[in-house]
């Protein structure tokens, strides 16, 4: 009888792990960068490749950093939400065109509208790697001191914006 207790115990533990895992949201990927300074970069602007932008240039303001690409279907899903947010003017949105051709990215912004104050070009993906980007879109909320306070993986929705991002923006802007 005792020889069945060990396999039964292991089975119960595995079922417990499975039950916990099934309740997790796969879109909520914890980032080791939360609470840490945003990784630095100095990248060319999409609008003018002779000019560059760095997170240090944005110190003193709360801002959203949206990583996107013209080839990304999910990025198109969130595009209208970002356009609406930029029209409201509550928080500036800066973009990073990730592993994309600048001409393709500019064509998308010309066709669908541009929610970004500026967009930087990360052609080889090195800046994205420093941010832990493994897919687009990803959005980061960065505070006045350049600290990452929130990361959202996947398209930003109206619900995520109203329940998570905007309340945190208000808190950080005080």
C-alpha atoms as a PDB file:
ATOM      1  CA  UNK A   1       0.000   0.000   0.000  1.00  0.00           C
ATOM      2  CA  UNK A   2       2.867   2.406   0.828  1.00  0.00           C
ATOM      3  CA  UNK A   3       4.407   1.998  -2.622  1.00  0.00           C
ATOM      4  CA  UNK A   4       1.334   3.739  -4.125  1.00  0.00           C
ATOM      5  CA  UNK A   5       1.561   6.775  -1.828  1.00  0.00           C
ATOM      6  CA  UNK A   6       4.671   8.289  -3.463  1.00  0.00           C
ATOM      7  CA  UNK A   7       3.272   8.230  -7.038  1.00  0.00           C
ATOM      8  CA  UNK A   8      -0.072   9.491  -5.712  1.00  0.00           C
ATOM      9  CA  UNK A   9       1.677  12.371  -3.909  1.00  0.00           C
ATOM     10  CA  UNK A  10       3.632  13.302  -7.031  1.00  0.00           C
ATOM     11  CA  UNK A  11       0.425  13.180  -9.087  1.00  0.00           C
ATOM     12  CA  UNK A  12      -1.372  15.504  -6.636  1.00  0.00           C
ATOM     13  CA  UNK A  13       1.515  18.014  -6.720  1.00  0.00           C
ATOM     14  CA  UNK A  14       1.528  17.996 -10.550  1.00  0.00           C
ATOM     15  CA  UNK A  15      -2.239  18.540 -10.663  1.00  0.00           C
ATOM     16  CA  UNK A  16      -1.768  21.485  -8.276  1.00  0.00           C
ATOM     17  CA  UNK A  17       0.852  23.071 -10.553  1.00  0.00           C
ATOM     18  CA  UNK A  18      -1.413  22.544 -13.573  1.00  0.00           C
ATOM     19  CA  UNK A  19      -4.375  24.157 -11.803  1.00  0.00           C
ATOM     20  CA  UNK A  20      -2.316  27.239 -10.870  1.00  0.00           C
ATOM     21  CA  UNK A  21      -0.860  27.493 -14.385  1.00  0.00           C
ATOM     22  CA  UNK A  22      -4.277  27.394 -16.024  1.00  0.00           C
ATOM     23  CA  UNK A  23      -5.377  30.449 -14.028  1.00  0.00           C
ATOM     24  CA  UNK A  24      -2.452  32.633 -15.213  1.00  0.00           C
ATOM     25  CA  UNK A  25      -2.825  35.128 -18.058  1.00  0.00           C
ATOM     26  CA  UNK A  26      -0.206  34.336 -20.731  1.00  0.00           C
ATOM     27  CA  UNK A  27      -0.196  38.003 -21.833  1.00  0.00           C
ATOM     28  CA  UNK A  28       1.015  39.163 -18.437  1.00  0.00           C
ATOM     29  CA  UNK A  29       4.702  38.525 -18.751  1.00  0.00           C
ATOM     30  CA  UNK A  30       6.549  39.912 -15.738  1.00  0.00           C
ATOM     31  CA  UNK A  31       9.463  42.066 -16.746  1.00  0.00           C
ATOM     32  CA  UNK A  32      12.677  42.177 -14.731  1.00  0.00           C
ATOM     33  CA  UNK A  33      12.942  45.823 -15.843  1.00  0.00           C
ATOM     34  CA  UNK A  34       9.964  47.035 -13.779  1.00  0.00           C
ATOM     35  CA  UNK A  35      11.321  49.476 -11.199  1.00  0.00           C
ATOM     36  CA  UNK A  36      14.640  49.837 -13.027  1.00  0.00           C
ATOM     37  CA  UNK A  37      15.959  52.565 -15.347  1.00  0.00           C
ATOM     38  CA  UNK A  38      14.854  52.276 -18.958  1.00  0.00           C
ATOM     39  CA  UNK A  39      17.754  50.918 -21.014  1.00  0.00           C
ATOM     40  CA  UNK A  40      19.557  53.687 -22.833  1.00  0.00           C
ATOM     41  CA  UNK A  41      19.792  53.976 -26.591  1.00  0.00           C
ATOM     42  CA  UNK A  42      20.458  56.688 -29.117  1.00  0.00           C
ATOM     43  CA  UNK A  43      18.554  55.916 -32.284  1.00  0.00           C
ATOM     44  CA  UNK A  44      17.706  57.814 -35.453  1.00  0.00           C
ATOM     45  CA  UNK A  45      14.242  59.296 -35.823  1.00  0.00           C
ATOM     46  CA  UNK A  46      11.924  57.826 -38.424  1.00  0.00           C
ATOM     47  CA  UNK A  47      10.906  61.342 -39.494  1.00  0.00           C
ATOM     48  CA  UNK A  48      14.498  62.585 -39.877  1.00  0.00           C
ATOM     49  CA  UNK A  49      17.343  60.060 -39.857  1.00  0.00           C
ATOM     50  CA  UNK A  50      19.870  62.863 -39.234  1.00  0.00           C
ATOM     51  CA  UNK A  51      18.371  63.419 -35.758  1.00  0.00           C
ATOM     52  CA  UNK A  52      18.491  61.022 -32.813  1.00  0.00           C
ATOM     53  CA  UNK A  53      16.487  60.443 -29.646  1.00  0.00           C
ATOM     54  CA  UNK A  54      17.419  58.861 -26.339  1.00  0.00           C
ATOM     55  CA  UNK A  55      15.420  58.131 -23.150  1.00  0.00           C
ATOM     56  CA  UNK A  56      17.647  60.716 -21.433  1.00  0.00           C
ATOM     57  CA  UNK A  57      16.039  63.351 -23.691  1.00  0.00           C
ATOM     58  CA  UNK A  58      12.663  62.545 -22.105  1.00  0.00           C
ATOM     59  CA  UNK A  59      13.656  62.889 -18.438  1.00  0.00           C
ATOM     60  CA  UNK A  60      11.202  64.983 -16.475  1.00  0.00           C
ATOM     61  CA  UNK A  61       8.082  63.630 -18.172  1.00  0.00           C
ATOM     62  CA  UNK A  62       5.935  60.522 -17.896  1.00  0.00           C
ATOM     63  CA  UNK A  63       5.734  58.818 -21.297  1.00  0.00           C
ATOM     64  CA  UNK A  64       4.604  55.667 -23.082  1.00  0.00           C
ATOM     65  CA  UNK A  65       7.100  53.754 -25.183  1.00  0.00           C
ATOM     66  CA  UNK A  66       5.385  51.598 -27.783  1.00  0.00           C
ATOM     67  CA  UNK A  67       7.418  49.023 -29.721  1.00  0.00           C
ATOM     68  CA  UNK A  68       5.762  48.249 -33.067  1.00  0.00           C
ATOM     69  CA  UNK A  69       6.420  47.345 -36.706  1.00  0.00           C
ATOM     70  CA  UNK A  70       4.671  47.782 -40.042  1.00  0.00           C
ATOM     71  CA  UNK A  71       4.575  44.006 -40.565  1.00  0.00           C
ATOM     72  CA  UNK A  72       2.819  43.409 -37.219  1.00  0.00           C
ATOM     73  CA  UNK A  73      -0.916  42.603 -37.446  1.00  0.00           C
ATOM     74  CA  UNK A  74      -1.442  43.038 -33.688  1.00  0.00           C
ATOM     75  CA  UNK A  75       0.081  46.509 -33.916  1.00  0.00           C
ATOM     76  CA  UNK A  76      -2.712  47.486 -36.286  1.00  0.00           C
ATOM     77  CA  UNK A  77      -5.254  46.281 -33.702  1.00  0.00           C
ATOM     78  CA  UNK A  78      -3.950  48.752 -31.119  1.00  0.00           C
ATOM     79  CA  UNK A  79      -3.262  51.586 -33.537  1.00  0.00           C
ATOM     80  CA  UNK A  80      -6.717  53.188 -33.231  1.00  0.00           C
ATOM     81  CA  UNK A  81      -6.502  53.045 -29.415  1.00  0.00           C
ATOM     82  CA  UNK A  82      -3.116  54.802 -29.530  1.00  0.00           C
ATOM     83  CA  UNK A  83      -4.452  57.426 -31.958  1.00  0.00           C
ATOM     84  CA  UNK A  84      -7.344  58.187 -29.588  1.00  0.00           C
ATOM     85  CA  UNK A  85      -4.954  58.393 -26.642  1.00  0.00           C
ATOM     86  CA  UNK A  86      -2.636  60.782 -28.484  1.00  0.00           C
ATOM     87  CA  UNK A  87      -5.602  63.054 -29.342  1.00  0.00           C
ATOM     88  CA  UNK A  88      -6.560  63.187 -25.647  1.00  0.00           C
ATOM     89  CA  UNK A  89      -3.067  64.439 -24.859  1.00  0.00           C
ATOM     90  CA  UNK A  90      -2.802  62.888 -21.387  1.00  0.00           C
ATOM     91  CA  UNK A  91       0.533  61.214 -21.949  1.00  0.00           C
ATOM     92  CA  UNK A  92       3.023  61.495 -24.830  1.00  0.00           C
ATOM     93  CA  UNK A  93       3.596  58.327 -26.837  1.00  0.00           C
ATOM     94  CA  UNK A  94       6.976  57.583 -28.357  1.00  0.00           C
ATOM     95  CA  UNK A  95       7.394  54.684 -30.744  1.00  0.00           C
ATOM     96  CA  UNK A  96      10.164  52.307 -31.662  1.00  0.00           C
ATOM     97  CA  UNK A  97       9.931  50.783 -35.122  1.00  0.00           C
ATOM     98  CA  UNK A  98      11.363  47.334 -34.416  1.00  0.00           C
ATOM     99  CA  UNK A  99      13.251  45.275 -37.027  1.00  0.00           C
ATOM    100  CA  UNK A 100      11.460  47.031 -39.848  1.00  0.00           C
ATOM    101  CA  UNK A 101      12.232  49.023 -42.951  1.00  0.00           C
ATOM    102  CA  UNK A 102      11.810  52.758 -42.262  1.00  0.00           C
ATOM    103  CA  UNK A 103       9.964  53.310 -45.554  1.00  0.00           C
ATOM    104  CA  UNK A 104       7.399  50.647 -44.662  1.00  0.00           C
ATOM    105  CA  UNK A 105       6.898  52.119 -41.198  1.00  0.00           C
ATOM    106  CA  UNK A 106       6.447  55.643 -42.552  1.00  0.00           C
ATOM    107  CA  UNK A 107       3.919  54.354 -45.100  1.00  0.00           C
ATOM    108  CA  UNK A 108       1.837  52.793 -42.297  1.00  0.00           C
ATOM    109  CA  UNK A 109       1.867  56.030 -40.288  1.00  0.00           C
ATOM    110  CA  UNK A 110       0.967  58.067 -43.380  1.00  0.00           C
ATOM    111  CA  UNK A 111      -1.931  55.750 -44.187  1.00  0.00           C
ATOM    112  CA  UNK A 112      -3.409  55.111 -40.712  1.00  0.00           C
ATOM    113  CA  UNK A 113      -2.310  58.204 -38.768  1.00  0.00           C
ATOM    114  CA  UNK A 114       0.578  58.870 -36.428  1.00  0.00           C
ATOM    115  CA  UNK A 115      -0.033  58.630 -32.663  1.00  0.00           C
ATOM    116  CA  UNK A 116       3.645  59.154 -31.807  1.00  0.00           C
ATOM    117  CA  UNK A 117       5.422  62.335 -30.800  1.00  0.00           C
ATOM    118  CA  UNK A 118       8.473  60.718 -32.381  1.00  0.00           C
ATOM    119  CA  UNK A 119       9.422  57.240 -33.554  1.00  0.00           C
ATOM    120  CA  UNK A 120      12.935  55.843 -33.408  1.00  0.00           C
ATOM    121  CA  UNK A 121      14.182  53.154 -35.764  1.00  0.00           C
ATOM    122  CA  UNK A 122      15.652  49.956 -34.282  1.00  0.00           C
ATOM    123  CA  UNK A 123      16.571  48.310 -37.554  1.00  0.00           C
ATOM    124  CA  UNK A 124      18.740  45.538 -36.093  1.00  0.00           C
ATOM    125  CA  UNK A 125      16.684  45.010 -32.917  1.00  0.00           C
ATOM    126  CA  UNK A 126      19.510  45.678 -30.451  1.00  0.00           C
ATOM    127  CA  UNK A 127      17.644  48.327 -28.456  1.00  0.00           C
ATOM    128  CA  UNK A 128      14.607  46.034 -28.349  1.00  0.00           C
ATOM    129  CA  UNK A 129      16.727  43.227 -26.930  1.00  0.00           C
ATOM    130  CA  UNK A 130      17.814  45.526 -24.097  1.00  0.00           C
ATOM    131  CA  UNK A 131      14.148  46.138 -23.307  1.00  0.00           C
ATOM    132  CA  UNK A 132      13.399  42.418 -23.331  1.00  0.00           C
ATOM    133  CA  UNK A 133      11.237  42.641 -26.441  1.00  0.00           C
ATOM    134  CA  UNK A 134      10.447  39.218 -27.801  1.00  0.00           C
ATOM    135  CA  UNK A 135       7.493  40.215 -29.942  1.00  0.00           C
ATOM    136  CA  UNK A 136       5.566  43.281 -30.966  1.00  0.00           C
ATOM    137  CA  UNK A 137       3.635  45.177 -29.867  1.00  0.00           C
ATOM    138  CA  UNK A 138       4.966  45.875 -26.399  1.00  0.00           C
ATOM    139  CA  UNK A 139       4.321  49.043 -24.428  1.00  0.00           C
ATOM    140  CA  UNK A 140       6.235  50.491 -21.489  1.00  0.00           C
ATOM    141  CA  UNK A 141       5.215  53.266 -19.114  1.00  0.00           C
ATOM    142  CA  UNK A 142       8.260  55.263 -18.048  1.00  0.00           C
ATOM    143  CA  UNK A 143       8.218  57.801 -15.217  1.00  0.00           C
ATOM    144  CA  UNK A 144       9.823  61.258 -14.883  1.00  0.00           C
ATOM    145  CA  UNK A 145      13.065  59.738 -13.607  1.00  0.00           C
ATOM    146  CA  UNK A 146      13.379  57.312 -16.518  1.00  0.00           C
ATOM    147  CA  UNK A 147      12.222  54.281 -14.501  1.00  0.00           C
ATOM    148  CA  UNK A 148      10.035  51.635 -16.154  1.00  0.00           C
ATOM    149  CA  UNK A 149       6.824  51.374 -14.118  1.00  0.00           C
ATOM    150  CA  UNK A 150       4.685  49.108 -16.275  1.00  0.00           C
ATOM    151  CA  UNK A 151       5.006  46.795 -19.261  1.00  0.00           C
ATOM    152  CA  UNK A 152       2.175  45.521 -21.428  1.00  0.00           C
ATOM    153  CA  UNK A 153       2.762  42.718 -23.894  1.00  0.00           C
ATOM    154  CA  UNK A 154       0.390  42.540 -26.851  1.00  0.00           C
ATOM    155  CA  UNK A 155      -2.011  45.112 -28.246  1.00  0.00           C
ATOM    156  CA  UNK A 156      -3.092  47.892 -25.894  1.00  0.00           C
ATOM    157  CA  UNK A 157      -6.870  47.770 -25.569  1.00  0.00           C
ATOM    158  CA  UNK A 158      -9.322  50.367 -24.280  1.00  0.00           C
ATOM    159  CA  UNK A 159      -9.766  48.195 -21.169  1.00  0.00           C
ATOM    160  CA  UNK A 160      -6.023  47.950 -20.444  1.00  0.00           C
ATOM    161  CA  UNK A 161      -5.675  51.659 -21.049  1.00  0.00           C
ATOM    162  CA  UNK A 162      -8.528  52.675 -18.741  1.00  0.00           C
ATOM    163  CA  UNK A 163      -7.928  50.152 -15.960  1.00  0.00           C
ATOM    164  CA  UNK A 164      -4.141  49.950 -15.804  1.00  0.00           C
ATOM    165  CA  UNK A 165      -2.199  52.488 -17.830  1.00  0.00           C
ATOM    166  CA  UNK A 166      -4.106  55.759 -17.362  1.00  0.00           C
ATOM    167  CA  UNK A 167      -4.570  55.405 -13.580  1.00  0.00           C
ATOM    168  CA  UNK A 168      -0.843  54.761 -13.254  1.00  0.00           C
ATOM    169  CA  UNK A 169      -0.075  57.745 -15.516  1.00  0.00           C
ATOM    170  CA  UNK A 170      -2.160  60.013 -13.254  1.00  0.00           C
ATOM    171  CA  UNK A 171      -0.373  58.704 -10.178  1.00  0.00           C
ATOM    172  CA  UNK A 172       3.071  59.200 -11.728  1.00  0.00           C
ATOM    173  CA  UNK A 173       2.330  62.707 -13.001  1.00  0.00           C
ATOM    174  CA  UNK A 174       1.613  64.027  -9.479  1.00  0.00           C
END
